[in-house]
Amino acid sequence: MQLRNYQPSDCEEILALFCQTVHTVNARDYTEEQLNAWAPADLPAEQWNASLLAHDTVVAVEGKTIVGFGDIEKTGYLDRLYVHAHWQGRGVGTTICDRLEQSVTGPITTHASITARPFFEQRGYRVVRKQTVERRGVQMTNFVMEKL
């Protein structure tokens, strides 16, 4: 597996990975309605591309296939971290997160799903608060987490 910087040509594959991951990995903690609101089929590729380009974004590649991606803002907000369902538990998320955390100074915050909370806790993040967020009119729980 190799890490490299995000390229606009990655966007479609990243959107597919995101949707597939949310609908399989997160299905144990969220309802189908919540998953559909979180990762709908009609994600705006142009907006995602602009956001990924604006952040420090890395992709994990095995061969020619993207197996994970993550991005962090200069402010230390870790926005997204997703690993393909078939690559869970193989160190992909850890490798991406290590790289993203090294790219900023100061505290790092993220909004972690119920599913991702244990991963971040193992990395030294602490829950600041549990919150209910709304996506496309559907409410779901996540956690504001911080690593100092």
Protein backbone atom coordinates (compact mmCIF):
# COMPACT_ATOMS: atom_id res chain seq x y z
CA MET A 1 0.00 0.00 0.00
CA GLN A 2 1.21 3.49 -0.86
CA LEU A 3 0.04 6.90 0.29
CA ARG A 4 -0.12 9.77 -2.15
CA ASN A 5 -1.76 13.16 -2.43
CA TYR A 6 -5.30 13.41 -3.74
CA GLN A 7 -5.82 14.18 -7.43
CA PRO A 8 -9.10 15.35 -9.01
CA SER A 9 -9.15 12.16 -11.10
CA ASP A 10 -9.61 10.25 -7.77
CA CYS A 11 -12.95 11.88 -6.95
CA GLU A 12 -15.36 9.38 -8.52
CA GLU A 13 -13.55 6.40 -6.99
CA ILE A 14 -13.46 8.15 -3.61
CA LEU A 15 -17.20 8.86 -3.75
CA ALA A 16 -17.88 5.19 -4.51
CA LEU A 17 -15.57 4.07 -1.67
CA PHE A 18 -17.25 6.51 0.74
CA CYS A 19 -20.76 5.29 -0.08
CA GLN A 20 -19.80 1.63 -0.02
CA THR A 21 -17.96 2.00 3.29
CA VAL A 22 -20.76 3.89 5.02
CA HIS A 23 -23.41 1.42 3.81
CA THR A 24 -21.45 -1.66 4.91
CA VAL A 25 -19.11 -0.79 7.80
CA ASN A 26 -21.40 1.72 9.52
CA ALA A 27 -24.55 -0.41 9.04
CA ARG A 28 -24.01 -2.03 12.44
CA ASP A 29 -24.46 1.32 14.23
CA TYR A 30 -26.91 3.29 12.06
CA THR A 31 -30.30 2.64 10.47
CA GLU A 32 -30.80 2.33 6.72
CA GLU A 33 -32.52 5.73 6.72
CA GLN A 34 -29.50 7.29 8.45
CA LEU A 35 -27.05 5.61 6.06
CA ASN A 36 -29.00 6.85 3.03
CA ALA A 37 -28.99 10.40 4.40
CA TRP A 38 -25.28 10.24 5.23
CA ALA A 39 -24.13 8.65 1.97
CA PRO A 40 -26.76 9.14 -0.75
CA ALA A 41 -26.24 7.99 -4.31
CA ASP A 42 -26.32 11.57 -5.63
CA LEU A 43 -23.27 13.08 -3.93
CA PRO A 44 -22.09 16.31 -5.60
CA ALA A 45 -18.73 15.38 -7.13
CA GLU A 46 -17.77 19.01 -7.86
CA GLN A 47 -18.28 20.04 -4.22
CA TRP A 48 -16.39 17.02 -2.93
CA ASN A 49 -13.51 17.66 -5.32
CA ALA A 50 -13.29 21.32 -4.26
CA SER A 51 -13.33 20.35 -0.57
CA LEU A 52 -10.72 17.61 -0.99
CA LEU A 53 -8.47 20.00 -2.92
CA ALA A 54 -8.84 22.69 -0.24
CA HIS A 55 -7.67 20.30 2.50
CA ASP A 56 -4.55 18.21 2.96
CA THR A 57 -5.98 15.03 1.41
CA VAL A 58 -4.23 11.70 1.02
CA VAL A 59 -5.29 8.46 -0.60
CA ALA A 60 -4.09 4.96 0.15
CA VAL A 61 -3.55 2.95 -3.00
CA GLU A 62 -2.98 -0.76 -3.49
CA GLY A 63 -1.98 -1.35 -7.09
CA LYS A 64 -4.28 1.00 -8.95
CA THR A 65 -7.15 0.77 -6.47
CA ILE A 66 -7.90 3.37 -3.79
CA VAL A 67 -8.43 1.50 -0.52
CA GLY A 68 -8.82 4.52 1.77
CA PHE A 69 -8.64 8.28 1.99
CA GLY A 70 -8.62 11.06 4.55
CA ASP A 71 -8.40 14.82 4.76
CA ILE A 72 -7.58 17.44 7.33
CA GLU A 73 -7.91 21.22 7.38
CA LYS A 74 -5.02 23.51 8.31
CA THR A 75 -6.96 24.32 11.51
CA GLY A 76 -6.56 20.72 12.69
CA TYR A 77 -10.08 19.56 11.83
CA LEU A 78 -9.85 15.98 10.55
CA ASP A 79 -12.81 16.01 8.20
CA ARG A 80 -12.97 12.55 6.62
CA LEU A 81 -11.27 9.19 7.13
CA TYR A 82 -12.68 6.20 5.26
CA VAL A 83 -11.26 2.77 4.51
CA HIS A 84 -12.80 0.31 2.05
CA ALA A 85 -14.75 -2.42 3.86
CA HIS A 86 -12.41 -5.16 2.56
CA TRP A 87 -9.37 -3.29 3.89
CA GLN A 88 -10.62 -2.71 7.45
CA GLY A 89 -8.23 -3.83 10.18
CA ARG A 90 -5.12 -3.84 7.98
CA GLY A 91 -3.57 -0.58 9.15
CA VAL A 92 -4.87 1.59 6.30
CA GLY A 93 -6.75 3.99 8.57
CA THR A 94 -3.82 4.16 10.98
CA THR A 95 -1.38 4.96 8.18
CA ILE A 96 -3.61 7.68 6.73
CA CYS A 97 -4.32 9.16 10.16
CA ASP A 98 -0.61 9.18 11.09
CA ARG A 99 0.15 11.17 7.95
CA LEU A 100 -2.73 13.63 8.43
CA GLU A 101 -1.93 14.25 12.10
CA GLN A 102 1.70 15.02 11.23
CA SER A 103 0.62 17.70 8.76
CA VAL A 104 -0.74 20.07 11.41
CA THR A 105 0.44 21.53 14.69
CA GLY A 106 -1.76 21.93 17.72
CA PRO A 107 -4.91 20.07 18.73
CA ILE A 108 -6.82 17.94 16.25
CA THR A 109 -10.59 17.60 16.29
CA THR A 110 -12.94 15.31 14.42
CA HIS A 111 -16.60 14.34 14.37
CA ALA A 112 -16.44 10.56 14.77
CA SER A 113 -19.25 8.17 14.02
CA ILE A 114 -20.33 5.60 16.59
CA THR A 115 -18.39 3.09 14.50
CA ALA A 116 -15.18 5.15 14.36
CA ARG A 117 -15.15 6.25 17.99
CA PRO A 118 -13.08 3.26 19.27
CA PHE A 119 -10.49 3.77 16.51
CA PHE A 120 -9.95 7.38 17.55
CA GLU A 121 -9.96 6.55 21.27
CA GLN A 122 -7.15 4.04 20.65
CA ARG A 123 -5.21 6.90 19.02
CA GLY A 124 -5.51 9.10 22.10
CA TYR A 125 -8.56 11.16 21.16
CA ARG A 126 -11.09 11.92 23.86
CA VAL A 127 -14.80 12.56 23.53
CA VAL A 128 -15.57 16.24 24.03
CA ARG A 129 -19.30 15.67 23.59
CA LYS A 130 -21.88 13.38 22.07
CA GLN A 131 -24.08 15.18 19.60
CA THR A 132 -27.03 14.69 17.30
CA VAL A 133 -26.52 16.00 13.77
CA GLU A 134 -28.97 16.27 10.91
CA ARG A 135 -28.27 15.06 7.38
CA ARG A 136 -30.97 15.50 4.76
CA GLY A 137 -33.60 15.82 7.47
CA VAL A 138 -32.48 12.68 9.34
CA GLN A 139 -30.94 12.82 12.80
CA MET A 140 -27.96 10.70 13.83
CA THR A 141 -25.44 10.52 16.63
CA ASN A 142 -21.73 11.24 16.41
CA PHE A 143 -19.00 12.44 18.74
CA VAL A 144 -16.87 15.56 18.76
CA MET A 145 -13.42 14.22 19.64
CA GLU A 146 -10.13 15.94 20.29
CA LYS A 147 -6.48 14.97 20.44
CA LEU A 148 -4.15 17.43 22.13
